Amino acid sequence: MNYEAILLERREHIGVIKLNHPQKRNALGSKLIGELIEGLQELDRDPEVYVVVLMSNVPGVFCAGRDLSEGSSSPASDIVKQREFSDRPAQLWSTLRSLHKVVVCAVNGYALAGGCGLAVSCDLVIAAEDATFGLPEIHVGLFPGTIAPAMIRNMKSLKRCFELFVTGDRFNAREAERIGIINKVVPADKVEEAAMELAGKIASKSPTITGMGKEFFYTILDMEYNRAVSYAKEVISIMAVSEDGIEGQRAFVEKRKPHWKKLTSR
């Protein structure tokens, strides 16, 4: 597929997607969301890609949020059109969650509203020291609805989470790290390097087990404790008798580097 709002490339076993819609400051309009979903799914199907890195190609901005000009083109009273407008970002969050491969997000610049939601919906997040986050929906008579589940699950304090929802205050990368929605803060000129380094570390592990582990991790979040423990026993048992599970344990005993099985097309 020929993309216009994103750039897609492959670096060994790492797939890279760069948001590249400067006219809209990478705002999440139908075009960008559609291409981003397609790009993510393309990389997920590629057996040579083990990890995905998401970043911006626009200086000073990761993503300015939802493209409100699209929503405002429909009458506010048209609930069907408004549901359709809200459905597209929700599809993107679901795609990120269901992807077999780990997605590392590199944030450099502004990540506001849906842009903040996009970052938090990725599996791991590296942010530049000068990155700015915020949920300003309240300023325009809205609320961070489709973003809320990811924010609530990731933030350490529900009180702080709700405060950000109802004030629309912006916050810096250090605060984002403190409240638990990103993994690490690095100098602005090192954010891509740090994200690629993290992705490379993950790509060196069994891609099969990593994919199974991602699905397992998110599945147990929705489970009652005892059911989660039972499910964990089943998943770990399957991993242990898989080709890579057997190879990894054997390599450990033999004190050598494991040789992981290559992925097959999905």
Protein backbone atom coordinates (compact mmCIF):
# COMPACT_ATOMS: atom_id res chain seq x y z
CA MET A 1 0.00 0.00 0.00
CA ASN A 2 1.18 3.52 -0.77
CA TYR A 3 0.96 5.64 2.38
CA GLU A 4 0.71 9.42 2.45
CA ALA A 5 0.19 10.32 6.12
CA ILE A 6 2.73 7.86 7.53
CA LEU A 7 6.18 6.59 6.63
CA LEU A 8 6.78 2.86 7.00
CA GLU A 9 10.15 1.17 7.00
CA ARG A 10 11.86 -1.97 8.21
CA ARG A 11 15.19 -2.08 10.04
CA GLU A 12 16.23 -5.72 10.36
CA HIS A 13 13.54 -7.24 12.63
CA ILE A 14 12.07 -3.87 13.67
CA GLY A 15 9.22 -2.23 11.82
CA VAL A 16 9.10 1.57 12.08
CA ILE A 17 6.05 3.77 11.53
CA LYS A 18 6.46 7.54 11.51
CA LEU A 19 3.47 9.87 11.69
CA ASN A 20 3.97 12.24 8.76
CA HIS A 21 1.05 14.64 8.39
CA PRO A 22 2.60 18.05 9.19
CA GLN A 23 -0.28 20.08 7.73
CA LYS A 24 -2.50 18.71 10.52
CA ARG A 25 0.26 18.41 13.14
CA ASN A 26 -0.34 14.66 12.99
CA ALA A 27 -3.93 15.14 14.18
CA LEU A 28 -5.88 11.89 14.18
CA GLY A 29 -8.15 12.35 11.19
CA SER A 30 -9.70 9.56 9.15
CA LYS A 31 -6.77 9.45 6.73
CA LEU A 32 -4.05 9.18 9.36
CA ILE A 33 -5.99 6.71 11.51
CA GLY A 34 -6.82 4.54 8.50
CA GLU A 35 -3.22 4.44 7.30
CA LEU A 36 -1.90 3.86 10.80
CA ILE A 37 -4.22 0.88 11.31
CA GLU A 38 -3.25 -0.53 7.90
CA GLY A 39 0.47 0.03 8.55
CA LEU A 40 0.32 -1.67 11.94
CA GLN A 41 -1.54 -4.64 10.48
CA GLU A 42 0.94 -4.87 7.58
CA LEU A 43 3.87 -5.08 10.00
CA ASP A 44 1.99 -7.55 12.18
CA ARG A 45 1.60 -9.86 9.17
CA ASP A 46 5.30 -9.61 8.24
CA PRO A 47 7.21 -12.64 9.61
CA GLU A 48 10.48 -10.71 9.45
CA VAL A 49 9.22 -8.00 11.82
CA TYR A 50 9.38 -8.87 15.52
CA VAL A 51 8.79 -5.45 17.13
CA VAL A 52 7.18 -2.19 16.00
CA VAL A 53 8.36 1.35 16.84
CA LEU A 54 5.93 4.26 16.47
CA MET A 55 7.23 7.84 16.31
CA SER A 56 6.68 11.19 14.60
CA ASN A 57 8.45 12.57 11.57
CA VAL A 58 7.17 16.10 12.33
CA PRO A 59 9.54 18.23 14.46
CA GLY A 60 8.13 19.38 17.79
CA VAL A 61 4.93 17.34 17.70
CA PHE A 62 4.09 13.70 18.21
CA CYS A 63 0.34 14.03 17.73
CA ALA A 64 -1.90 17.05 18.36
CA GLY A 65 -4.96 14.93 19.11
CA ARG A 66 -8.16 14.17 17.24
CA ASP A 67 -8.94 16.20 14.11
CA LEU A 68 -11.98 18.00 15.49
CA SER A 69 -12.74 19.61 12.13
CA GLU A 70 -14.08 16.23 10.98
CA GLY A 71 -16.40 15.87 13.95
CA SER A 72 -17.64 19.45 13.72
CA SER A 73 -18.69 18.88 10.11
CA SER A 74 -21.63 16.84 11.41
CA PRO A 75 -24.49 18.41 13.38
CA ALA A 76 -23.87 18.05 17.08
CA SER A 77 -27.37 16.58 17.39
CA ASP A 78 -26.57 13.74 14.94
CA ILE A 79 -25.65 11.04 17.46
CA VAL A 80 -25.09 8.43 14.74
CA LYS A 81 -22.45 10.57 13.01
CA GLN A 82 -20.83 11.40 16.35
CA ARG A 83 -20.61 7.70 17.19
CA GLU A 84 -18.93 7.06 13.85
CA PHE A 85 -16.51 9.91 14.59
CA SER A 86 -15.62 8.37 17.98
CA ASP A 87 -15.37 4.86 16.57
CA ARG A 88 -12.23 5.45 14.48
CA PRO A 89 -9.81 6.20 17.35
CA ALA A 90 -11.37 3.32 19.29
CA GLN A 91 -10.52 1.03 16.36
CA LEU A 92 -6.92 2.28 16.51
CA TRP A 93 -6.61 1.59 20.25
CA SER A 94 -8.05 -1.90 19.71
CA THR A 95 -5.60 -2.55 16.87
CA LEU A 96 -2.64 -1.62 19.07
CA ARG A 97 -3.90 -3.92 21.83
CA SER A 98 -4.62 -6.88 19.53
CA LEU A 99 -1.35 -6.64 17.60
CA HIS A 100 0.74 -9.78 18.07
CA LYS A 101 3.92 -7.71 18.22
CA VAL A 102 5.10 -5.32 20.94
CA VAL A 103 4.73 -1.65 20.00
CA VAL A 104 7.29 0.82 21.40
CA CYS A 105 6.27 4.47 21.17
CA ALA A 106 8.81 7.32 20.96
CA VAL A 107 7.29 10.68 21.95
CA ASN A 108 9.09 13.86 20.98
CA GLY A 109 7.10 17.10 21.32
CA TYR A 110 3.38 17.49 21.98
CA ALA A 111 1.18 14.45 22.71
CA LEU A 112 -2.21 15.96 23.44
CA ALA A 113 -5.73 14.50 23.76
CA GLY A 114 -5.89 11.62 21.28
CA GLY A 115 -2.13 11.98 20.84
CA CYS A 116 -1.67 11.23 24.52
CA GLY A 117 -4.12 8.34 24.12
CA LEU A 118 -2.14 7.02 21.15
CA ALA A 119 1.08 6.98 23.15
CA VAL A 120 -0.48 5.38 26.24
CA SER A 121 -2.20 2.74 24.10
CA CYS A 122 1.19 1.49 22.92
CA ASP A 123 2.84 -1.26 24.97
CA LEU A 124 5.93 0.72 25.98
CA VAL A 125 6.68 4.46 25.80
CA ILE A 126 9.95 6.40 25.67
CA ALA A 127 9.60 10.19 25.89
CA ALA A 128 11.92 13.11 25.29
CA GLU A 129 12.66 15.46 28.18
CA ASP A 130 10.82 18.24 26.38
CA ALA A 131 7.73 16.18 25.54
CA THR A 132 4.40 17.64 26.66
CA PHE A 133 1.32 15.58 27.48
CA GLY A 134 -2.23 16.65 28.16
CA LEU A 135 -5.92 15.78 27.96
CA PRO A 136 -7.45 19.15 26.97
CA GLU A 137 -10.83 17.79 25.77
CA ILE A 138 -12.62 19.47 28.68
CA HIS A 139 -11.67 22.88 27.24
CA VAL A 140 -13.87 22.28 24.18
CA GLY A 141 -16.81 20.72 25.99
CA LEU A 142 -15.67 17.12 25.57
CA PHE A 143 -14.15 14.41 27.77
CA PRO A 144 -11.35 11.91 27.08
CA GLY A 145 -13.81 9.06 26.54
CA THR A 146 -12.09 6.48 24.33
CA ILE A 147 -8.74 7.35 25.94
CA ALA A 148 -10.02 6.86 29.48
CA PRO A 149 -9.66 3.04 29.72
CA ALA A 150 -5.97 3.11 28.82
CA MET A 151 -5.26 6.10 31.08
CA ILE A 152 -7.09 4.60 34.06
CA ARG A 153 -5.32 1.26 33.69
CA ASN A 154 -1.86 2.77 33.43
CA MET A 155 -1.94 5.61 35.94
CA LYS A 156 -0.80 4.96 39.50
CA SER A 157 -3.38 7.32 41.03
CA LEU A 158 -7.06 7.44 40.06
CA LYS A 159 -7.37 10.79 41.81
CA ARG A 160 -4.60 12.28 39.67
CA CYS A 161 -6.12 10.69 36.57
CA PHE A 162 -9.53 12.27 37.21
CA GLU A 163 -7.89 15.61 37.99
CA LEU A 164 -6.23 15.61 34.56
CA PHE A 165 -9.54 14.69 32.93
CA VAL A 166 -11.50 17.57 34.49
CA THR A 167 -8.82 20.29 34.40
CA GLY A 168 -7.22 19.64 31.01
CA ASP A 169 -3.85 20.60 32.49
CA ARG A 170 -0.72 19.80 30.51
CA PHE A 171 2.16 17.93 32.13
CA ASN A 172 5.76 17.18 31.24
CA ALA A 173 7.58 13.92 30.58
CA ARG A 174 8.89 13.60 34.15
CA GLU A 175 5.35 13.82 35.49
CA ALA A 176 4.19 11.30 32.87
CA GLU A 177 6.89 8.93 34.11
CA ARG A 178 5.96 9.55 37.74
CA ILE A 179 2.29 8.75 37.23
CA GLY A 180 3.10 5.62 35.25
CA ILE A 181 1.98 6.28 31.67
CA ILE A 182 5.48 6.16 30.16
CA ASN A 183 8.50 3.97 30.82
CA LYS A 184 11.47 6.29 30.49
CA VAL A 185 12.55 9.89 29.87
CA VAL A 186 15.62 10.61 27.73
CA PRO A 187 17.25 13.69 26.17
CA ALA A 188 15.34 14.98 23.14
CA ASP A 189 18.09 14.03 20.72
CA LYS A 190 18.20 10.46 22.07
CA VAL A 191 14.52 9.48 21.99
CA GLU A 192 14.62 7.59 18.69
CA GLU A 193 17.89 5.90 19.63
CA ALA A 194 16.48 4.84 23.00
CA ALA A 195 13.28 3.49 21.44
CA MET A 196 15.23 1.52 18.84
CA GLU A 197 17.56 0.17 21.52
CA LEU A 198 14.59 -1.05 23.57
CA ALA A 199 12.96 -2.54 20.47
CA GLY A 200 16.21 -4.31 19.58
CA LYS A 201 16.40 -5.83 23.04
CA ILE A 202 12.86 -7.19 22.68
CA ALA A 203 13.52 -8.39 19.12
CA SER A 204 16.41 -10.54 20.40
CA LYS A 205 13.94 -12.65 22.41
CA SER A 206 11.65 -15.36 21.05
CA PRO A 207 9.12 -13.55 18.84
CA THR A 208 6.64 -16.37 19.39
CA ILE A 209 6.83 -16.24 23.19
CA THR A 210 6.84 -12.42 23.21
CA GLY A 211 3.64 -12.39 21.16
CA MET A 212 2.00 -14.97 23.41
CA GLY A 213 3.20 -13.03 26.43
CA LYS A 214 1.64 -9.79 25.19
CA GLU A 215 -1.72 -11.47 24.71
CA PHE A 216 -1.43 -13.14 28.14
CA PHE A 217 -0.50 -9.86 29.85
CA TYR A 218 -3.52 -7.93 28.59
CA THR A 219 -5.94 -10.83 28.99
CA ILE A 220 -5.30 -11.26 32.70
CA LEU A 221 -5.95 -7.54 33.31
CA ASP A 222 -9.63 -8.23 32.76
CA MET A 223 -9.77 -11.39 34.87
CA GLU A 224 -10.74 -12.12 38.44
CA TYR A 225 -7.64 -13.15 40.41
CA ASN A 226 -8.24 -16.91 40.80
CA ARG A 227 -9.31 -17.23 37.17
CA ALA A 228 -6.18 -15.32 36.13
CA VAL A 229 -3.97 -17.74 38.08
CA SER A 230 -5.63 -20.74 36.39
CA TYR A 231 -5.26 -19.11 32.98
CA ALA A 232 -1.60 -18.34 33.72
CA LYS A 233 -0.85 -21.99 34.51
CA GLU A 234 -2.34 -23.02 31.17
CA VAL A 235 -0.45 -20.40 29.14
CA ILE A 236 2.90 -21.06 30.86
CA SER A 237 2.48 -24.79 30.27
CA ILE A 238 1.86 -24.19 26.56
CA MET A 239 4.92 -21.91 26.38
CA ALA A 240 7.09 -24.49 28.14
CA VAL A 241 6.37 -27.21 25.58
CA SER A 242 6.56 -24.90 22.55
CA GLU A 243 9.58 -25.14 20.24
CA ASP A 244 11.06 -21.93 21.59
CA GLY A 245 10.22 -22.87 25.17
CA ILE A 246 12.09 -26.14 24.85
CA GLU A 247 14.96 -24.47 22.99
CA GLY A 248 15.30 -21.67 25.55
CA GLN A 249 15.41 -24.03 28.51
CA ARG A 250 17.84 -26.35 26.73
CA ALA A 251 20.11 -23.44 25.79
CA PHE A 252 20.13 -22.29 29.43
CA VAL A 253 21.20 -25.74 30.65
CA GLU A 254 23.83 -26.03 27.91
CA LYS A 255 25.06 -22.47 28.60
CA ARG A 256 24.66 -21.25 25.04
CA LYS A 257 22.63 -18.66 23.15
CA PRO A 258 19.17 -19.92 22.10
CA HIS A 259 18.19 -20.18 18.46
CA TRP A 260 14.62 -18.95 18.19
CA LYS A 261 12.17 -20.20 15.62
CA LYS A 262 11.38 -17.73 12.84
CA LEU A 263 7.87 -16.33 12.66
CA THR A 264 5.48 -17.44 9.95
CA SER A 265 3.12 -15.14 8.07
CA ARG A 266 -0.08 -14.27 9.92
